[in-house]
Amino acid sequence: MIATMLQNPHISEYLLSLEPDLPEYLEELRETAEAAQVPIIRREAQALLRFLVDLRRPEHILEVGTAVGFSACYLSELAPRASITTIEKVPAKIAEAKKNFARFGKERIRLLEGDAADVLRELSARKQVYDFVFLDAAKAQYGVYLPYLFSMLAEGGLLITDNVLQEGSLADSKFTVTRRNRTIHMRMREYVGQLFAWDGLTSVLLPVGDGMALSVRRTKERENGEKRNEE
């Protein structure tokens, strides 16, 4: 029922019509990225991100997967006082993101260059803490990133994982997925399983955009309360 409703183009158009307009520079950046076929956060996912930022009011944001910088710029509009760190490894995207950050006055966004697993390992070793994490990078590596992200997620912090449903193929048998997509299909399934089984996280998967998983790190108070109830 939910999938059928969300696939209805009239409902999608109506829901998107309720969203406030983007600042002119962000609309321009979106159009440029789409014209160049650079994947950026979908409009439906953008709406959920806006709501979650307003709800949680984060102070320290980590984004994994900068691309051309659209979502980092968007997050800076939603949380103008938050510190924002974003990670990217593709040289062409790094150059484009730097250009966009400079052009739109976003120099305060901290762009870390390199393979996300290596950068996250280093950040974790430094005991960095973030209360809001947006994961939108190499899908097959999500499971590799998770231990580092969890170690840096503040109590009560929110981890948002984008593009989890893989155009709906995640629900399909691996044998119905084309051979070239089977590895990412298998790894995404493993990642979702990790999220829902991870001790210390409470997760939900929403059919928004291409699927967004929301995971909250439980507080020690709640963890202790659950243990007392079990006893």
C-alpha atoms as a PDB file:
ATOM      1  CA  MET A   1       0.000   0.000   0.000  1.00  0.00           C
ATOM      2  CA  ILE A   2       2.763   2.450   0.936  1.00  0.00           C
ATOM      3  CA  ALA A   3       4.840   1.670  -2.158  1.00  0.00           C
ATOM      4  CA  THR A   4       1.802   1.996  -4.433  1.00  0.00           C
ATOM      5  CA  MET A   5       0.877   5.344  -2.930  1.00  0.00           C
ATOM      6  CA  LEU A   6       4.390   6.757  -3.179  1.00  0.00           C
ATOM      7  CA  GLN A   7       4.714   5.631  -6.801  1.00  0.00           C
ATOM      8  CA  ASN A   8       1.660   7.703  -7.708  1.00  0.00           C
ATOM      9  CA  PRO A   9       3.099  10.713  -9.604  1.00  0.00           C
ATOM     10  CA  HIS A  10       0.197  12.973  -8.574  1.00  0.00           C
ATOM     11  CA  ILE A  11       0.876  12.341  -4.891  1.00  0.00           C
ATOM     12  CA  SER A  12       4.616  12.885  -5.378  1.00  0.00           C
ATOM     13  CA  GLU A  13       4.001  16.157  -7.188  1.00  0.00           C
ATOM     14  CA  TYR A  14       1.625  17.324  -4.472  1.00  0.00           C
ATOM     15  CA  LEU A  15       4.063  16.478  -1.659  1.00  0.00           C
ATOM     16  CA  LEU A  16       6.907  18.284  -3.412  1.00  0.00           C
ATOM     17  CA  SER A  17       4.680  21.311  -4.013  1.00  0.00           C
ATOM     18  CA  LEU A  18       4.484  21.765  -0.240  1.00  0.00           C
ATOM     19  CA  GLU A  19       8.247  22.211   0.066  1.00  0.00           C
ATOM     20  CA  PRO A  20       9.710  25.712   0.357  1.00  0.00           C
ATOM     21  CA  ASP A  21      11.749  26.953  -2.581  1.00  0.00           C
ATOM     22  CA  LEU A  22      15.490  26.481  -2.466  1.00  0.00           C
ATOM     23  CA  PRO A  23      17.754  29.525  -2.361  1.00  0.00           C
ATOM     24  CA  GLU A  24      18.521  30.557  -5.932  1.00  0.00           C
ATOM     25  CA  TYR A  25      22.138  29.415  -5.789  1.00  0.00           C
ATOM     26  CA  LEU A  26      21.137  25.937  -4.593  1.00  0.00           C
ATOM     27  CA  GLU A  27      18.542  25.575  -7.342  1.00  0.00           C
ATOM     28  CA  GLU A  28      21.224  26.541  -9.835  1.00  0.00           C
ATOM     29  CA  LEU A  29      23.623  24.004  -8.318  1.00  0.00           C
ATOM     30  CA  ARG A  30      20.971  21.290  -8.467  1.00  0.00           C
ATOM     31  CA  GLU A  31      20.213  22.000 -12.126  1.00  0.00           C
ATOM     32  CA  THR A  32      23.916  22.001 -13.003  1.00  0.00           C
ATOM     33  CA  ALA A  33      24.486  18.688 -11.234  1.00  0.00           C
ATOM     34  CA  GLU A  34      21.468  17.063 -12.843  1.00  0.00           C
ATOM     35  CA  ALA A  35      22.532  18.279 -16.286  1.00  0.00           C
ATOM     36  CA  ALA A  36      25.971  16.746 -15.717  1.00  0.00           C
ATOM     37  CA  GLN A  37      24.308  13.529 -14.423  1.00  0.00           C
ATOM     38  CA  VAL A  38      25.987  13.860 -11.037  1.00  0.00           C
ATOM     39  CA  PRO A  39      23.838  12.079  -8.426  1.00  0.00           C
ATOM     40  CA  ILE A  40      22.701  14.369  -5.613  1.00  0.00           C
ATOM     41  CA  ILE A  41      20.103  14.003  -2.890  1.00  0.00           C
ATOM     42  CA  ARG A  42      16.591  13.580  -4.292  1.00  0.00           C
ATOM     43  CA  ARG A  43      13.930  16.182  -3.636  1.00  0.00           C
ATOM     44  CA  GLU A  44      11.844  13.850  -1.460  1.00  0.00           C
ATOM     45  CA  ALA A  45      14.899  12.959   0.628  1.00  0.00           C
ATOM     46  CA  GLN A  46      15.781  16.640   0.786  1.00  0.00           C
ATOM     47  CA  ALA A  47      12.415  17.323   2.425  1.00  0.00           C
ATOM     48  CA  LEU A  48      13.006  14.687   5.103  1.00  0.00           C
ATOM     49  CA  LEU A  49      16.515  15.987   5.727  1.00  0.00           C
ATOM     50  CA  ARG A  50      15.127  19.498   6.251  1.00  0.00           C
ATOM     51  CA  PHE A  51      12.626  18.200   8.811  1.00  0.00           C
ATOM     52  CA  LEU A  52      15.229  16.152  10.688  1.00  0.00           C
ATOM     53  CA  VAL A  53      17.727  18.995  10.916  1.00  0.00           C
ATOM     54  CA  ASP A  54      15.042  21.314  12.260  1.00  0.00           C
ATOM     55  CA  LEU A  55      13.956  18.630  14.732  1.00  0.00           C
ATOM     56  CA  ARG A  56      17.406  17.720  16.020  1.00  0.00           C
ATOM     57  CA  ARG A  57      19.205  21.084  15.654  1.00  0.00           C
ATOM     58  CA  PRO A  58      22.650  19.491  15.262  1.00  0.00           C
ATOM     59  CA  GLU A  59      25.863  21.250  16.198  1.00  0.00           C
ATOM     60  CA  HIS A  60      28.390  18.942  14.520  1.00  0.00           C
ATOM     61  CA  ILE A  61      27.489  17.437  11.138  1.00  0.00           C
ATOM     62  CA  LEU A  62      29.437  14.810   9.217  1.00  0.00           C
ATOM     63  CA  GLU A  63      28.667  14.014   5.576  1.00  0.00           C
ATOM     64  CA  VAL A  64      30.226  11.040   3.803  1.00  0.00           C
ATOM     65  CA  GLY A  65      30.099  11.670   0.050  1.00  0.00           C
ATOM     66  CA  THR A  66      30.439  15.320  -0.973  1.00  0.00           C
ATOM     67  CA  ALA A  67      29.964  14.997  -4.750  1.00  0.00           C
ATOM     68  CA  VAL A  68      29.741  18.590  -6.028  1.00  0.00           C
ATOM     69  CA  GLY A  69      28.780  19.978  -2.619  1.00  0.00           C
ATOM     70  CA  PHE A  70      25.007  20.363  -3.015  1.00  0.00           C
ATOM     71  CA  SER A  71      23.952  18.565   0.160  1.00  0.00           C
ATOM     72  CA  ALA A  72      26.732  20.150   2.245  1.00  0.00           C
ATOM     73  CA  CYS A  73      25.562  23.587   1.097  1.00  0.00           C
ATOM     74  CA  TYR A  74      21.959  22.595   1.791  1.00  0.00           C
ATOM     75  CA  LEU A  75      22.877  21.442   5.295  1.00  0.00           C
ATOM     76  CA  SER A  76      24.658  24.748   5.888  1.00  0.00           C
ATOM     77  CA  GLU A  77      21.405  26.559   5.049  1.00  0.00           C
ATOM     78  CA  LEU A  78      19.414  24.323   7.379  1.00  0.00           C
ATOM     79  CA  ALA A  79      21.912  24.546  10.246  1.00  0.00           C
ATOM     80  CA  PRO A  80      23.814  27.811   9.782  1.00  0.00           C
ATOM     81  CA  ARG A  81      25.553  27.584  13.167  1.00  0.00           C
ATOM     82  CA  ALA A  82      26.642  23.950  12.890  1.00  0.00           C
ATOM     83  CA  SER A  83      30.147  22.859  11.984  1.00  0.00           C
ATOM     84  CA  ILE A  84      30.058  20.731   8.824  1.00  0.00           C
ATOM     85  CA  THR A  85      32.675  18.203   7.743  1.00  0.00           C
ATOM     86  CA  THR A  86      32.314  16.383   4.424  1.00  0.00           C
ATOM     87  CA  ILE A  87      34.400  13.628   2.799  1.00  0.00           C
ATOM     88  CA  GLU A  88      35.109  12.973  -0.890  1.00  0.00           C
ATOM     89  CA  LYS A  89      37.751  10.950  -2.750  1.00  0.00           C
ATOM     90  CA  VAL A  90      37.079  11.597  -6.468  1.00  0.00           C
ATOM     91  CA  PRO A  91      39.466  14.374  -7.655  1.00  0.00           C
ATOM     92  CA  ALA A  92      37.038  15.868 -10.197  1.00  0.00           C
ATOM     93  CA  LYS A  93      34.270  16.081  -7.594  1.00  0.00           C
ATOM     94  CA  ILE A  94      36.650  17.526  -5.010  1.00  0.00           C
ATOM     95  CA  ALA A  95      37.662  20.270  -7.429  1.00  0.00           C
ATOM     96  CA  GLU A  96      34.032  21.055  -8.283  1.00  0.00           C
ATOM     97  CA  ALA A  97      32.966  21.075  -4.633  1.00  0.00           C
ATOM     98  CA  LYS A  98      35.812  23.417  -3.680  1.00  0.00           C
ATOM     99  CA  LYS A  99      34.841  25.743  -6.507  1.00  0.00           C
ATOM    100  CA  ASN A 100      31.213  25.742  -5.385  1.00  0.00           C
ATOM    101  CA  PHE A 101      32.058  26.279  -1.718  1.00  0.00           C
ATOM    102  CA  ALA A 102      34.236  29.276  -2.628  1.00  0.00           C
ATOM    103  CA  ARG A 103      31.690  30.647  -5.094  1.00  0.00           C
ATOM    104  CA  PHE A 104      28.800  30.481  -2.638  1.00  0.00           C
ATOM    105  CA  GLY A 105      30.693  31.649   0.444  1.00  0.00           C
ATOM    106  CA  LYS A 106      30.827  28.244   2.126  1.00  0.00           C
ATOM    107  CA  GLU A 107      34.514  28.212   3.013  1.00  0.00           C
ATOM    108  CA  ARG A 108      33.651  27.190   6.580  1.00  0.00           C
ATOM    109  CA  ILE A 109      32.570  23.745   5.295  1.00  0.00           C
ATOM    110  CA  ARG A 110      35.512  21.450   6.006  1.00  0.00           C
ATOM    111  CA  LEU A 111      36.242  19.187   3.020  1.00  0.00           C
ATOM    112  CA  LEU A 112      38.412  16.145   3.777  1.00  0.00           C
ATOM    113  CA  GLU A 113      39.974  14.435   0.768  1.00  0.00           C
ATOM    114  CA  GLY A 114      40.598  10.712   0.499  1.00  0.00           C
ATOM    115  CA  ASP A 115      38.992   7.300   0.688  1.00  0.00           C
ATOM    116  CA  ALA A 116      36.141   7.519   3.180  1.00  0.00           C
ATOM    117  CA  ALA A 117      37.210   4.414   5.102  1.00  0.00           C
ATOM    118  CA  ASP A 118      40.690   5.866   5.657  1.00  0.00           C
ATOM    119  CA  VAL A 119      39.386   9.303   6.624  1.00  0.00           C
ATOM    120  CA  LEU A 120      36.779   7.854   8.976  1.00  0.00           C
ATOM    121  CA  ARG A 121      39.374   5.626  10.610  1.00  0.00           C
ATOM    122  CA  GLU A 122      41.526   8.666  11.283  1.00  0.00           C
ATOM    123  CA  LEU A 123      38.622  10.748  12.597  1.00  0.00           C
ATOM    124  CA  SER A 124      37.571   7.894  14.864  1.00  0.00           C
ATOM    125  CA  ALA A 125      41.120   7.550  16.197  1.00  0.00           C
ATOM    126  CA  ARG A 126      41.008  11.249  17.060  1.00  0.00           C
ATOM    127  CA  LYS A 127      37.759  10.600  18.959  1.00  0.00           C
ATOM    128  CA  GLN A 128      35.760  13.084  16.907  1.00  0.00           C
ATOM    129  CA  VAL A 129      32.078  13.254  17.830  1.00  0.00           C
ATOM    130  CA  TYR A 130      29.137  14.165  15.591  1.00  0.00           C
ATOM    131  CA  ASP A 131      25.474  14.453  16.476  1.00  0.00           C
ATOM    132  CA  PHE A 132      24.238  14.253  12.852  1.00  0.00           C
ATOM    133  CA  VAL A 133      25.729  12.024  10.130  1.00  0.00           C
ATOM    134  CA  PHE A 134      24.576  11.894   6.512  1.00  0.00           C
ATOM    135  CA  LEU A 135      25.885   8.859   4.604  1.00  0.00           C
ATOM    136  CA  ASP A 136      25.629   9.087   0.820  1.00  0.00           C
ATOM    137  CA  ALA A 137      28.828   7.619  -0.618  1.00  0.00           C
ATOM    138  CA  ALA A 138      30.017   4.338  -2.180  1.00  0.00           C
ATOM    139  CA  LYS A 139      27.046   2.078  -1.466  1.00  0.00           C
ATOM    140  CA  ALA A 140      29.035  -1.164  -1.414  1.00  0.00           C
ATOM    141  CA  GLN A 141      31.217   0.240   1.382  1.00  0.00           C
ATOM    142  CA  TYR A 142      28.474   1.256   3.810  1.00  0.00           C
ATOM    143  CA  GLY A 143      29.146  -1.780   5.997  1.00  0.00           C
ATOM    144  CA  VAL A 144      32.843  -0.869   6.186  1.00  0.00           C
ATOM    145  CA  TYR A 145      32.004   2.656   7.320  1.00  0.00           C
ATOM    146  CA  LEU A 146      29.458   1.720   9.982  1.00  0.00           C
ATOM    147  CA  PRO A 147      31.803   0.804  12.887  1.00  0.00           C
ATOM    148  CA  TYR A 148      33.645   4.113  12.516  1.00  0.00           C
ATOM    149  CA  LEU A 149      30.422   6.103  12.210  1.00  0.00           C
ATOM    150  CA  PHE A 150      28.943   4.442  15.279  1.00  0.00           C
ATOM    151  CA  SER A 151      32.085   5.137  17.322  1.00  0.00           C
ATOM    152  CA  MET A 152      31.793   8.844  16.486  1.00  0.00           C
ATOM    153  CA  LEU A 153      28.033   9.192  16.835  1.00  0.00           C
ATOM    154  CA  ALA A 154      27.020  11.091  19.954  1.00  0.00           C
ATOM    155  CA  GLU A 155      24.474   9.623  22.352  1.00  0.00           C
ATOM    156  CA  GLY A 156      21.102  10.465  20.854  1.00  0.00           C
ATOM    157  CA  GLY A 157      22.866  11.303  17.572  1.00  0.00           C
ATOM    158  CA  LEU A 158      21.256  10.553  14.234  1.00  0.00           C
ATOM    159  CA  LEU A 159      22.748   8.577  11.328  1.00  0.00           C
ATOM    160  CA  ILE A 160      20.920   9.009   8.018  1.00  0.00           C
ATOM    161  CA  THR A 161      21.745   6.578   5.212  1.00  0.00           C
ATOM    162  CA  ASP A 162      20.569   7.503   1.718  1.00  0.00           C
ATOM    163  CA  ASN A 163      19.780   5.347  -1.335  1.00  0.00           C
ATOM    164  CA  VAL A 164      19.204   2.195   0.687  1.00  0.00           C
ATOM    165  CA  LEU A 165      16.431   0.669  -1.429  1.00  0.00           C
ATOM    166  CA  GLN A 166      18.481   0.738  -4.648  1.00  0.00           C
ATOM    167  CA  GLU A 167      15.526   1.645  -6.896  1.00  0.00           C
ATOM    168  CA  GLY A 168      13.476  -1.011  -5.113  1.00  0.00           C
ATOM    169  CA  SER A 169      15.830  -3.858  -6.015  1.00  0.00           C
ATOM    170  CA  LEU A 170      16.827  -4.393  -2.373  1.00  0.00           C
ATOM    171  CA  ALA A 171      13.567  -6.263  -1.812  1.00  0.00           C
ATOM    172  CA  ASP A 172      14.239  -8.581  -4.769  1.00  0.00           C
ATOM    173  CA  SER A 173      16.027 -11.913  -4.723  1.00  0.00           C
ATOM    174  CA  LYS A 174      19.690 -11.631  -5.706  1.00  0.00           C
ATOM    175  CA  PHE A 175      18.933 -14.006  -8.573  1.00  0.00           C
ATOM    176  CA  THR A 176      16.613 -11.457 -10.179  1.00  0.00           C
ATOM    177  CA  VAL A 177      19.282  -8.739 -10.011  1.00  0.00           C
ATOM    178  CA  THR A 178      21.664  -8.387 -12.956  1.00  0.00           C
ATOM    179  CA  ARG A 179      25.017 -10.034 -12.367  1.00  0.00           C
ATOM    180  CA  ARG A 180      26.901  -6.738 -12.374  1.00  0.00           C
ATOM    181  CA  ASN A 181      24.653  -5.401  -9.578  1.00  0.00           C
ATOM    182  CA  ARG A 182      24.672  -8.481  -7.359  1.00  0.00           C
ATOM    183  CA  THR A 183      27.642  -7.437  -5.235  1.00  0.00           C
ATOM    184  CA  ILE A 184      26.178  -4.068  -4.285  1.00  0.00           C
ATOM    185  CA  HIS A 185      22.765  -5.712  -3.764  1.00  0.00           C
ATOM    186  CA  MET A 186      24.279  -8.256  -1.380  1.00  0.00           C
ATOM    187  CA  ARG A 187      26.350  -5.676   0.498  1.00  0.00           C
ATOM    188  CA  MET A 188      23.441  -3.286   0.899  1.00  0.00           C
ATOM    189  CA  ARG A 189      21.317  -6.078   2.299  1.00  0.00           C
ATOM    190  CA  GLU A 190      24.119  -6.913   4.710  1.00  0.00           C
ATOM    191  CA  TYR A 191      24.380  -3.256   5.714  1.00  0.00           C
ATOM    192  CA  VAL A 192      20.664  -2.954   6.429  1.00  0.00           C
ATOM    193  CA  GLY A 193      20.877  -6.132   8.486  1.00  0.00           C
ATOM    194  CA  GLN A 194      23.802  -4.623  10.397  1.00  0.00           C
ATOM    195  CA  LEU A 195      21.875  -1.442  11.127  1.00  0.00           C
ATOM    196  CA  PHE A 196      18.864  -3.242  12.533  1.00  0.00           C
ATOM    197  CA  ALA A 197      20.935  -5.704  14.575  1.00  0.00           C
ATOM    198  CA  TRP A 198      23.533  -3.194  15.838  1.00  0.00           C
ATOM    199  CA  ASP A 199      23.642  -3.036  19.619  1.00  0.00           C
ATOM    200  CA  GLY A 200      23.120   0.600  20.587  1.00  0.00           C
ATOM    201  CA  LEU A 201      21.199   1.697  17.493  1.00  0.00           C
ATOM    202  CA  THR A 202      17.471   1.999  16.873  1.00  0.00           C
ATOM    203  CA  SER A 203      16.735   2.070  13.140  1.00  0.00           C
ATOM    204  CA  VAL A 204      13.858   2.475  10.704  1.00  0.00           C
ATOM    205  CA  LEU A 205      13.856   2.289   6.904  1.00  0.00           C
ATOM    206  CA  LEU A 206      11.574   4.749   5.124  1.00  0.00           C
ATOM    207  CA  PRO A 207      10.470   4.543   1.458  1.00  0.00           C
ATOM    208  CA  VAL A 208      11.469   8.166   0.821  1.00  0.00           C
ATOM    209  CA  GLY A 209      13.390   9.040  -2.334  1.00  0.00           C
ATOM    210  CA  ASP A 210      15.433   5.907  -3.006  1.00  0.00           C
ATOM    211  CA  GLY A 211      15.043   4.754   0.583  1.00  0.00           C
ATOM    212  CA  MET A 212      16.430   6.412   3.706  1.00  0.00           C
ATOM    213  CA  ALA A 213      17.449   4.558   6.854  1.00  0.00           C
ATOM    214  CA  LEU A 214      17.327   6.567  10.088  1.00  0.00           C
ATOM    215  CA  SER A 215      19.374   5.275  13.012  1.00  0.00           C
ATOM    216  CA  VAL A 216      19.559   6.826  16.487  1.00  0.00           C
ATOM    217  CA  ARG A 217      22.310   5.994  18.954  1.00  0.00           C
ATOM    218  CA  ARG A 218      20.584   5.082  22.179  1.00  0.00           C
ATOM    219  CA  THR A 219      21.616   6.950  25.312  1.00  0.00           C
ATOM    220  CA  LYS A 220      23.303   5.186  28.232  1.00  0.00           C
ATOM    221  CA  GLU A 221      20.280   6.024  30.375  1.00  0.00           C
ATOM    222  CA  ARG A 222      18.003   4.175  27.975  1.00  0.00           C
ATOM    223  CA  GLU A 223      20.438   1.280  27.636  1.00  0.00           C
ATOM    224  CA  ASN A 224      20.627   0.906  31.412  1.00  0.00           C
ATOM    225  CA  GLY A 225      16.836   1.107  31.673  1.00  0.00           C
ATOM    226  CA  GLU A 226      16.424  -1.676  29.124  1.00  0.00           C
ATOM    227  CA  LYS A 227      18.914  -3.866  30.994  1.00  0.00           C
ATOM    228  CA  ARG A 228      17.045  -3.332  34.281  1.00  0.00           C
ATOM    229  CA  ASN A 229      13.780  -4.290  32.592  1.00  0.00           C
ATOM    230  CA  GLU A 230      15.372  -7.478  31.262  1.00  0.00           C
ATOM    231  CA  GLU A 231      16.490  -8.395  34.768  1.00  0.00           C
END
